[in-house]
């Protein structure tokens, strides 16, 4: 027979869902080398191929739900593209897209904080110092505007805090 590793796999997936990296999750869950686990899996597949008539379902497979189609609402695509541009290092494009989302009900305050984030990002993907931001852009007021537009959005407070953290010199 073969080892039933379903519980181990569940534990592995739980670690991943907690945000742990895959190596940590593997080491904490499986307790066997990757090579050994791979060999066990290959042996299992070989055994299934050699005796297809004896194959039985060990556990039921959860049916995959049908895809749901829905209408795109408002500025969903623009907001997703703006976030994608920001996280992929295309800061001028992110700045342009977030600027166009100012006043959008869907984007809310994120349009303002995203715009400020795009300004703060340098070409190498690191936040620039506050005093290096373009003079025409008052970053602090952009973050304040974001919070004024969507005071219930905790992420905007975190963005503002990150701005202040980056602007501190010598922890003052």
N, C-alpha and C. Protein backbone atom coordinates (compact mmCIF):
# COMPACT_ATOMS: atom_id res chain seq x y z
N UNK A 1 0.81 -1.19 0.00
CA UNK A 1 0.00 0.00 0.00
C UNK A 1 0.85 1.25 0.00
N UNK A 2 0.15 2.32 -0.06
CA UNK A 2 0.79 3.62 -0.09
C UNK A 2 0.36 4.45 1.11
N UNK A 3 1.25 5.33 1.54
CA UNK A 3 0.94 6.19 2.68
C UNK A 3 -0.17 7.17 2.29
N UNK A 4 -1.13 7.33 3.18
CA UNK A 4 -2.21 8.29 2.97
C UNK A 4 -1.72 9.64 3.47
N UNK A 5 -1.46 10.53 2.56
CA UNK A 5 -0.88 11.83 2.93
C UNK A 5 -1.89 12.98 2.82
N UNK A 6 -3.18 12.67 2.85
CA UNK A 6 -4.18 13.73 2.73
C UNK A 6 -4.10 14.74 3.87
N UNK A 7 -3.93 14.27 5.10
CA UNK A 7 -3.84 15.20 6.23
C UNK A 7 -2.58 16.06 6.14
N UNK A 8 -1.51 15.45 5.69
CA UNK A 8 -0.25 16.18 5.52
C UNK A 8 -0.43 17.26 4.44
N UNK A 9 -1.09 16.90 3.37
CA UNK A 9 -1.34 17.85 2.29
C UNK A 9 -2.23 19.00 2.77
N UNK A 10 -3.24 18.68 3.58
CA UNK A 10 -4.10 19.74 4.14
C UNK A 10 -3.27 20.70 4.99
N UNK A 11 -2.38 20.15 5.81
CA UNK A 11 -1.53 20.99 6.66
C UNK A 11 -0.63 21.87 5.79
N UNK A 12 -0.08 21.29 4.74
CA UNK A 12 0.75 22.04 3.80
C UNK A 12 -0.04 23.21 3.21
N UNK A 13 -1.25 22.94 2.77
CA UNK A 13 -2.09 23.99 2.18
C UNK A 13 -2.47 25.06 3.20
N UNK A 14 -2.68 24.66 4.45
CA UNK A 14 -2.99 25.63 5.50
C UNK A 14 -1.83 26.60 5.70
N UNK A 15 -0.61 26.08 5.70
CA UNK A 15 0.56 26.95 5.83
C UNK A 15 0.62 27.94 4.67
N UNK A 16 0.37 27.46 3.47
CA UNK A 16 0.39 28.35 2.30
C UNK A 16 -0.68 29.42 2.42
N UNK A 17 -1.86 29.04 2.89
CA UNK A 17 -2.94 30.01 3.03
C UNK A 17 -2.65 31.02 4.12
N UNK A 18 -1.79 30.68 5.06
CA UNK A 18 -1.38 31.62 6.10
C UNK A 18 -0.32 32.59 5.60
N UNK A 19 0.12 32.39 4.37
CA UNK A 19 1.13 33.27 3.79
C UNK A 19 2.55 32.78 3.96
N UNK A 20 2.73 31.57 4.46
CA UNK A 20 4.09 31.02 4.60
C UNK A 20 4.62 30.66 3.22
N UNK A 21 5.94 30.69 3.07
CA UNK A 21 6.49 30.31 1.76
C UNK A 21 6.41 28.80 1.59
N UNK A 22 6.50 28.38 0.34
CA UNK A 22 6.29 26.97 0.03
C UNK A 22 7.32 26.05 0.68
N UNK A 23 8.54 26.50 0.82
CA UNK A 23 9.57 25.66 1.43
C UNK A 23 9.27 25.41 2.91
N UNK A 24 8.91 26.48 3.62
CA UNK A 24 8.56 26.34 5.03
C UNK A 24 7.37 25.40 5.18
N UNK A 25 6.34 25.61 4.37
CA UNK A 25 5.14 24.78 4.43
C UNK A 25 5.48 23.32 4.18
N UNK A 26 6.34 23.07 3.21
CA UNK A 26 6.73 21.68 2.90
C UNK A 26 7.48 21.06 4.07
N UNK A 27 8.48 21.77 4.57
CA UNK A 27 9.30 21.23 5.66
C UNK A 27 8.48 20.95 6.91
N UNK A 28 7.54 21.81 7.22
CA UNK A 28 6.72 21.64 8.42
C UNK A 28 5.66 20.55 8.25
N UNK A 29 5.32 20.23 7.02
CA UNK A 29 4.21 19.31 6.78
C UNK A 29 4.65 17.90 6.44
N UNK A 30 5.52 17.75 5.47
CA UNK A 30 5.76 16.42 4.90
C UNK A 30 6.76 15.57 5.66
N UNK A 31 7.80 16.12 6.20
CA UNK A 31 8.79 15.37 6.98
C UNK A 31 9.49 14.28 6.17
N UNK A 32 9.42 14.35 4.85
CA UNK A 32 10.17 13.44 3.97
C UNK A 32 10.80 14.31 2.89
N UNK A 33 11.85 13.79 2.28
CA UNK A 33 12.51 14.56 1.23
C UNK A 33 11.61 14.69 0.01
N UNK A 34 11.85 15.71 -0.76
CA UNK A 34 11.10 15.92 -2.00
C UNK A 34 11.33 14.74 -2.93
N UNK A 35 12.56 14.26 -2.98
CA UNK A 35 12.89 13.12 -3.84
C UNK A 35 12.07 11.88 -3.44
N UNK A 36 11.99 11.63 -2.13
CA UNK A 36 11.23 10.45 -1.69
C UNK A 36 9.74 10.61 -2.00
N UNK A 37 9.20 11.79 -1.77
CA UNK A 37 7.79 12.03 -2.06
C UNK A 37 7.52 11.89 -3.55
N UNK A 38 8.43 12.39 -4.36
CA UNK A 38 8.28 12.26 -5.81
C UNK A 38 8.31 10.80 -6.23
N UNK A 39 9.21 10.02 -5.62
CA UNK A 39 9.31 8.59 -5.93
C UNK A 39 8.03 7.86 -5.53
N UNK A 40 7.49 8.19 -4.35
CA UNK A 40 6.23 7.58 -3.92
C UNK A 40 5.10 7.90 -4.90
N UNK A 41 5.06 9.13 -5.35
CA UNK A 41 4.02 9.54 -6.29
C UNK A 41 4.15 8.79 -7.61
N UNK A 42 5.38 8.69 -8.12
CA UNK A 42 5.62 7.95 -9.37
C UNK A 42 5.24 6.48 -9.21
N UNK A 43 5.60 5.89 -8.06
CA UNK A 43 5.23 4.49 -7.80
C UNK A 43 3.71 4.32 -7.77
N UNK A 44 3.04 5.26 -7.17
CA UNK A 44 1.58 5.21 -7.09
C UNK A 44 0.97 5.28 -8.49
N UNK A 45 1.47 6.20 -9.32
CA UNK A 45 0.95 6.32 -10.69
C UNK A 45 1.24 5.06 -11.50
N UNK A 46 2.43 4.49 -11.33
CA UNK A 46 2.76 3.24 -12.02
C UNK A 46 1.81 2.12 -11.61
N UNK A 47 1.53 2.02 -10.32
CA UNK A 47 0.63 0.97 -9.83
C UNK A 47 -0.77 1.14 -10.41
N UNK A 48 -1.23 2.36 -10.53
CA UNK A 48 -2.55 2.61 -11.12
C UNK A 48 -2.58 2.20 -12.59
N UNK A 49 -1.50 2.46 -13.31
CA UNK A 49 -1.46 2.11 -14.73
C UNK A 49 -1.39 0.60 -14.95
N UNK A 50 -0.70 -0.10 -14.06
CA UNK A 50 -0.54 -1.55 -14.22
C UNK A 50 -1.82 -2.31 -13.93
N UNK A 51 -2.66 -1.77 -13.06
CA UNK A 51 -3.90 -2.47 -12.68
C UNK A 51 -5.09 -1.51 -12.80
N UNK A 52 -5.42 -1.11 -14.01
CA UNK A 52 -6.52 -0.14 -14.15
C UNK A 52 -7.87 -0.67 -13.70
N UNK A 53 -8.08 -1.98 -13.77
CA UNK A 53 -9.36 -2.56 -13.36
C UNK A 53 -9.54 -2.50 -11.84
N UNK A 54 -8.44 -2.45 -11.12
CA UNK A 54 -8.52 -2.42 -9.66
C UNK A 54 -8.53 -0.99 -9.11
N UNK A 55 -8.50 -0.04 -10.00
CA UNK A 55 -8.47 1.36 -9.57
C UNK A 55 -9.79 1.70 -8.88
N UNK A 56 -9.67 2.33 -7.75
CA UNK A 56 -10.88 2.80 -7.06
C UNK A 56 -10.62 4.20 -6.52
N UNK A 57 -11.70 4.91 -6.31
CA UNK A 57 -11.58 6.28 -5.82
C UNK A 57 -11.33 6.23 -4.32
N UNK A 58 -10.21 6.80 -3.90
CA UNK A 58 -9.85 6.80 -2.49
C UNK A 58 -10.71 7.80 -1.73
N UNK A 59 -11.01 8.91 -2.36
CA UNK A 59 -11.86 9.93 -1.75
C UNK A 59 -12.61 10.64 -2.88
N UNK A 60 -13.79 11.15 -2.59
CA UNK A 60 -14.56 11.80 -3.65
C UNK A 60 -13.90 13.10 -4.09
N UNK A 61 -13.99 13.35 -5.36
CA UNK A 61 -13.44 14.58 -5.92
C UNK A 61 -14.53 15.64 -5.88
N UNK A 62 -14.21 16.77 -5.35
CA UNK A 62 -15.18 17.87 -5.26
C UNK A 62 -15.45 18.40 -6.66
N UNK A 63 -16.71 18.50 -7.02
CA UNK A 63 -17.00 19.02 -8.35
C UNK A 63 -16.58 20.49 -8.47
N UNK A 64 -16.10 20.84 -9.62
CA UNK A 64 -15.69 22.22 -9.88
C UNK A 64 -16.94 23.01 -10.24
N UNK A 65 -17.18 24.11 -9.54
CA UNK A 65 -18.38 24.89 -9.86
C UNK A 65 -18.27 25.52 -11.24
N UNK A 66 -19.41 25.70 -11.86
CA UNK A 66 -19.41 26.35 -13.16
C UNK A 66 -19.00 27.80 -13.00
N UNK A 67 -18.31 28.30 -14.00
CA UNK A 67 -17.90 29.69 -13.96
C UNK A 67 -19.12 30.59 -14.00
N UNK A 68 -19.06 31.63 -13.23
CA UNK A 68 -20.15 32.60 -13.19
C UNK A 68 -19.76 33.81 -14.03
N UNK A 69 -20.67 34.24 -14.83
CA UNK A 69 -20.44 35.42 -15.65
C UNK A 69 -21.17 36.58 -15.01
N UNK A 70 -20.51 37.70 -14.91
CA UNK A 70 -21.17 38.88 -14.38
C UNK A 70 -20.74 40.10 -15.17
N UNK A 71 -21.54 41.09 -15.10
CA UNK A 71 -21.24 42.32 -15.82
C UNK A 71 -20.16 43.10 -15.06
N UNK A 72 -19.26 43.69 -15.79
CA UNK A 72 -18.22 44.51 -15.17
C UNK A 72 -18.87 45.82 -14.73
N UNK A 73 -18.61 46.18 -13.49
CA UNK A 73 -19.24 47.35 -12.91
C UNK A 73 -18.28 48.53 -12.93
N UNK A 74 -18.76 49.64 -13.44
CA UNK A 74 -18.03 50.90 -13.36
C UNK A 74 -16.59 50.81 -13.82
N UNK A 75 -15.71 51.21 -12.93
CA UNK A 75 -14.29 51.33 -13.26
C UNK A 75 -13.47 50.13 -12.78
N UNK A 76 -14.09 48.95 -12.69
CA UNK A 76 -13.37 47.76 -12.20
C UNK A 76 -12.11 47.47 -13.00
N UNK A 77 -12.23 47.52 -14.31
CA UNK A 77 -11.09 47.19 -15.17
C UNK A 77 -9.98 48.22 -14.99
N UNK A 78 -10.35 49.50 -14.98
CA UNK A 78 -9.35 50.55 -14.82
C UNK A 78 -8.62 50.43 -13.48
N UNK A 79 -9.39 50.15 -12.42
CA UNK A 79 -8.77 50.00 -11.10
C UNK A 79 -7.83 48.80 -11.07
N UNK A 80 -8.26 47.69 -11.64
CA UNK A 80 -7.40 46.50 -11.68
C UNK A 80 -6.14 46.76 -12.49
N UNK A 81 -6.27 47.47 -13.61
CA UNK A 81 -5.10 47.80 -14.43
C UNK A 81 -4.16 48.75 -13.70
N UNK A 82 -4.72 49.70 -12.96
CA UNK A 82 -3.89 50.63 -12.20
C UNK A 82 -3.09 49.89 -11.13
N UNK A 83 -3.75 48.98 -10.41
CA UNK A 83 -3.05 48.19 -9.39
C UNK A 83 -1.98 47.31 -10.04
N UNK A 84 -2.33 46.70 -11.15
CA UNK A 84 -1.37 45.85 -11.87
C UNK A 84 -0.16 46.66 -12.33
N UNK A 85 -0.41 47.84 -12.86
CA UNK A 85 0.69 48.70 -13.30
C UNK A 85 1.59 49.06 -12.12
N UNK A 86 0.99 49.39 -10.99
CA UNK A 86 1.77 49.76 -9.81
C UNK A 86 2.63 48.59 -9.33
N UNK A 87 2.02 47.41 -9.23
CA UNK A 87 2.74 46.25 -8.70
C UNK A 87 3.71 45.63 -9.71
N UNK A 88 3.57 45.98 -10.97
CA UNK A 88 4.51 45.44 -11.96
C UNK A 88 5.59 46.46 -12.32
N UNK A 89 5.63 47.56 -11.59
CA UNK A 89 6.71 48.52 -11.78
C UNK A 89 6.51 49.50 -12.92
N UNK A 90 5.33 49.62 -13.43
CA UNK A 90 5.04 50.59 -14.51
C UNK A 90 4.42 51.83 -13.88
N UNK A 91 5.27 52.57 -13.19
CA UNK A 91 4.80 53.66 -12.35
C UNK A 91 4.18 54.82 -13.12
N UNK A 92 4.73 55.25 -14.25
CA UNK A 92 4.05 56.31 -15.00
C UNK A 92 2.65 55.89 -15.45
N UNK A 93 2.50 54.64 -15.87
CA UNK A 93 1.18 54.15 -16.28
C UNK A 93 0.25 54.09 -15.07
N UNK A 94 0.75 53.61 -13.94
CA UNK A 94 -0.07 53.56 -12.72
C UNK A 94 -0.52 54.96 -12.33
N UNK A 95 0.40 55.89 -12.40
CA UNK A 95 0.06 57.28 -12.06
C UNK A 95 -1.05 57.80 -12.97
N UNK A 96 -0.92 57.55 -14.26
CA UNK A 96 -1.93 57.98 -15.23
C UNK A 96 -3.29 57.35 -14.93
N UNK A 97 -3.30 56.04 -14.68
CA UNK A 97 -4.56 55.34 -14.45
C UNK A 97 -5.21 55.75 -13.13
N UNK A 98 -4.42 55.85 -12.06
CA UNK A 98 -4.99 56.28 -10.78
C UNK A 98 -5.50 57.72 -10.87
N UNK A 99 -4.79 58.56 -11.59
CA UNK A 99 -5.23 59.94 -11.77
C UNK A 99 -6.61 59.98 -12.43
N UNK A 100 -6.81 59.13 -13.42
CA UNK A 100 -8.10 59.06 -14.11
C UNK A 100 -9.22 58.50 -13.25
N UNK A 101 -8.87 57.81 -12.18
CA UNK A 101 -9.88 57.21 -11.30
C UNK A 101 -10.31 58.14 -10.17
N UNK A 102 -9.66 59.28 -10.02
CA UNK A 102 -10.06 60.22 -8.98
C UNK A 102 -11.51 60.62 -9.23
N UNK A 103 -12.31 60.52 -8.21
CA UNK A 103 -13.73 60.82 -8.34
C UNK A 103 -14.57 59.59 -8.63
N UNK A 104 -13.93 58.46 -8.91
CA UNK A 104 -14.65 57.21 -9.17
C UNK A 104 -15.21 56.68 -7.85
N UNK A 105 -16.49 56.34 -7.86
CA UNK A 105 -17.11 55.80 -6.66
C UNK A 105 -16.51 54.44 -6.31
N UNK A 106 -16.24 53.64 -7.31
CA UNK A 106 -15.68 52.31 -7.07
C UNK A 106 -14.27 52.39 -6.49
N UNK A 107 -13.42 53.20 -7.08
CA UNK A 107 -12.03 53.32 -6.61
C UNK A 107 -11.97 54.04 -5.28
N UNK A 108 -12.84 55.00 -5.07
CA UNK A 108 -12.86 55.74 -3.82
C UNK A 108 -11.50 56.36 -3.51
N UNK A 109 -11.09 56.24 -2.25
CA UNK A 109 -9.83 56.82 -1.82
C UNK A 109 -8.61 56.14 -2.39
N UNK A 110 -8.77 54.91 -2.87
CA UNK A 110 -7.61 54.20 -3.42
C UNK A 110 -7.06 54.93 -4.63
N UNK A 111 -7.92 55.63 -5.36
CA UNK A 111 -7.44 56.40 -6.51
C UNK A 111 -6.40 57.42 -6.05
N UNK A 112 -6.67 58.07 -4.93
CA UNK A 112 -5.75 59.09 -4.42
C UNK A 112 -4.49 58.47 -3.83
N UNK A 113 -4.64 57.43 -3.01
CA UNK A 113 -3.44 56.83 -2.42
C UNK A 113 -2.63 56.09 -3.47
N UNK A 114 -3.29 55.47 -4.44
CA UNK A 114 -2.57 54.81 -5.53
C UNK A 114 -1.79 55.81 -6.36
N UNK A 115 -2.41 56.97 -6.59
CA UNK A 115 -1.73 58.04 -7.32
C UNK A 115 -0.48 58.48 -6.56
N UNK A 116 -0.63 58.66 -5.24
CA UNK A 116 0.52 59.05 -4.41
C UNK A 116 1.58 57.95 -4.40
N UNK A 117 1.16 56.69 -4.29
CA UNK A 117 2.12 55.58 -4.32
C UNK A 117 2.90 55.56 -5.62
N UNK A 118 2.21 55.79 -6.73
CA UNK A 118 2.87 55.78 -8.04
C UNK A 118 3.90 56.89 -8.14
N UNK A 119 3.59 58.05 -7.56
CA UNK A 119 4.56 59.15 -7.56
C UNK A 119 5.78 58.77 -6.73
N UNK A 120 5.53 58.14 -5.60
CA UNK A 120 6.62 57.80 -4.68
C UNK A 120 7.53 56.70 -5.20
N UNK A 121 7.04 55.91 -6.10
CA UNK A 121 7.86 54.79 -6.57
C UNK A 121 8.90 55.26 -7.57
N UNK A 122 10.11 54.84 -7.35
CA UNK A 122 11.18 55.17 -8.29
C UNK A 122 11.26 54.06 -9.33
N UNK A 123 12.06 54.24 -10.30
CA UNK A 123 12.16 53.26 -11.39
C UNK A 123 12.70 51.92 -10.95
N UNK A 124 13.43 51.87 -9.83
CA UNK A 124 13.97 50.58 -9.39
C UNK A 124 13.02 49.85 -8.44
N UNK A 125 11.81 50.39 -8.28
CA UNK A 125 10.82 49.69 -7.48
C UNK A 125 10.86 50.01 -6.00
N UNK A 126 11.69 50.95 -5.60
CA UNK A 126 11.75 51.33 -4.20
C UNK A 126 11.08 52.69 -4.02
N UNK A 127 10.49 52.88 -2.84
CA UNK A 127 9.88 54.17 -2.57
C UNK A 127 10.97 55.23 -2.51
N UNK A 128 10.69 56.37 -3.11
CA UNK A 128 11.65 57.47 -3.07
C UNK A 128 11.43 58.26 -1.79
N UNK A 129 12.43 58.99 -1.39
CA UNK A 129 12.31 59.82 -0.20
C UNK A 129 11.30 60.92 -0.45
N UNK A 130 10.64 61.35 0.61
CA UNK A 130 9.59 62.36 0.48
C UNK A 130 10.12 63.63 -0.16
N UNK A 131 11.32 64.04 0.22
CA UNK A 131 11.86 65.28 -0.32
C UNK A 131 12.31 65.15 -1.77
N UNK A 132 12.30 63.93 -2.32
CA UNK A 132 12.66 63.74 -3.72
C UNK A 132 11.44 63.71 -4.63
N UNK A 133 10.25 63.73 -4.05
CA UNK A 133 9.03 63.71 -4.87
C UNK A 133 8.93 65.01 -5.65
N UNK A 134 8.30 64.97 -6.81
CA UNK A 134 8.13 66.20 -7.58
C UNK A 134 7.47 67.27 -6.73
N UNK A 135 7.98 68.49 -6.83
CA UNK A 135 7.52 69.60 -5.99
C UNK A 135 6.03 69.85 -6.17
N UNK A 136 5.52 69.66 -7.36
CA UNK A 136 4.11 69.95 -7.63
C UNK A 136 3.18 68.98 -6.90
N UNK A 137 3.70 67.89 -6.43
CA UNK A 137 2.86 66.88 -5.80
C UNK A 137 3.06 66.88 -4.30
N UNK A 138 2.06 67.29 -3.56
CA UNK A 138 2.10 67.25 -2.11
C UNK A 138 1.57 65.88 -1.68
N UNK A 139 2.47 64.95 -1.45
CA UNK A 139 2.08 63.57 -1.17
C UNK A 139 1.20 63.46 0.07
N UNK A 140 1.54 64.19 1.09
CA UNK A 140 0.75 64.11 2.32
C UNK A 140 -0.71 64.49 2.06
N UNK A 141 -0.93 65.53 1.29
CA UNK A 141 -2.31 65.94 1.02
C UNK A 141 -3.04 64.90 0.17
N UNK A 142 -2.32 64.17 -0.69
CA UNK A 142 -2.95 63.11 -1.48
C UNK A 142 -3.44 61.98 -0.57
N UNK A 143 -2.62 61.58 0.39
CA UNK A 143 -3.04 60.53 1.33
C UNK A 143 -4.19 61.02 2.22
N UNK A 144 -4.13 62.29 2.63
CA UNK A 144 -5.23 62.84 3.43
C UNK A 144 -6.52 62.86 2.62
N UNK A 145 -6.42 63.21 1.35
CA UNK A 145 -7.60 63.22 0.48
C UNK A 145 -8.16 61.80 0.34
N UNK A 146 -7.28 60.82 0.23
CA UNK A 146 -7.72 59.42 0.12
C UNK A 146 -8.57 59.04 1.33
N UNK A 147 -8.09 59.40 2.52
CA UNK A 147 -8.83 59.06 3.75
C UNK A 147 -10.12 59.86 3.84
N UNK A 148 -10.10 61.11 3.39
CA UNK A 148 -11.33 61.91 3.41
C UNK A 148 -12.39 61.31 2.50
N UNK A 149 -11.98 60.75 1.37
CA UNK A 149 -12.93 60.16 0.42
C UNK A 149 -13.49 58.83 0.95
N UNK A 150 -12.63 58.01 1.56
CA UNK A 150 -13.06 56.68 2.04
C UNK A 150 -12.54 56.43 3.45
N UNK A 151 -13.12 57.12 4.45
CA UNK A 151 -12.59 56.98 5.82
C UNK A 151 -12.76 55.58 6.41
N UNK A 152 -13.63 54.76 5.83
CA UNK A 152 -13.85 53.41 6.35
C UNK A 152 -12.83 52.40 5.82
N UNK A 153 -12.01 52.79 4.86
CA UNK A 153 -11.05 51.88 4.23
C UNK A 153 -9.74 51.89 5.02
N UNK A 154 -9.55 50.86 5.84
CA UNK A 154 -8.36 50.79 6.70
C UNK A 154 -7.06 50.76 5.89
N UNK A 155 -7.11 50.22 4.67
CA UNK A 155 -5.89 50.11 3.86
C UNK A 155 -5.31 51.49 3.57
N UNK A 156 -6.17 52.49 3.46
CA UNK A 156 -5.69 53.85 3.19
C UNK A 156 -4.89 54.40 4.37
N UNK A 157 -5.30 54.05 5.58
CA UNK A 157 -4.55 54.46 6.76
C UNK A 157 -3.18 53.77 6.78
N UNK A 158 -3.16 52.51 6.35
CA UNK A 158 -1.87 51.81 6.26
C UNK A 158 -0.97 52.45 5.21
N UNK A 159 -1.55 52.84 4.07
CA UNK A 159 -0.77 53.52 3.04
C UNK A 159 -0.18 54.82 3.59
N UNK A 160 -1.02 55.57 4.30
CA UNK A 160 -0.58 56.85 4.88
C UNK A 160 0.52 56.59 5.91
N UNK A 161 0.35 55.56 6.72
CA UNK A 161 1.37 55.20 7.70
C UNK A 161 2.68 54.81 7.05
N UNK A 162 2.59 54.09 5.95
CA UNK A 162 3.80 53.70 5.22
C UNK A 162 4.50 54.95 4.68
N UNK A 163 3.72 55.90 4.21
CA UNK A 163 4.28 57.17 3.74
C UNK A 163 5.04 57.85 4.87
N UNK A 164 4.43 57.94 6.05
CA UNK A 164 5.09 58.58 7.18
C UNK A 164 6.32 57.80 7.61
N UNK A 165 6.22 56.49 7.63
CA UNK A 165 7.36 55.67 8.01
C UNK A 165 8.54 55.92 7.07
N UNK A 166 8.26 56.03 5.78
CA UNK A 166 9.32 56.27 4.80
C UNK A 166 9.89 57.67 4.93
N UNK A 167 9.09 58.60 5.48
CA UNK A 167 9.57 59.98 5.56
C UNK A 167 10.35 60.26 6.84
N UNK A 168 10.35 59.30 7.77
CA UNK A 168 11.09 59.50 9.02
C UNK A 168 12.58 59.47 8.76
N UNK A 169 13.28 60.32 9.47
CA UNK A 169 14.75 60.24 9.41
C UNK A 169 15.24 60.05 10.83
N UNK A 170 16.05 59.07 11.03
CA UNK A 170 16.58 58.73 12.35
C UNK A 170 15.46 58.49 13.37
N UNK A 171 14.38 57.86 12.92
CA UNK A 171 13.26 57.48 13.78
C UNK A 171 12.64 58.67 14.51
N UNK A 172 12.62 59.83 13.88
CA UNK A 172 12.03 61.00 14.53
C UNK A 172 10.82 61.46 13.78
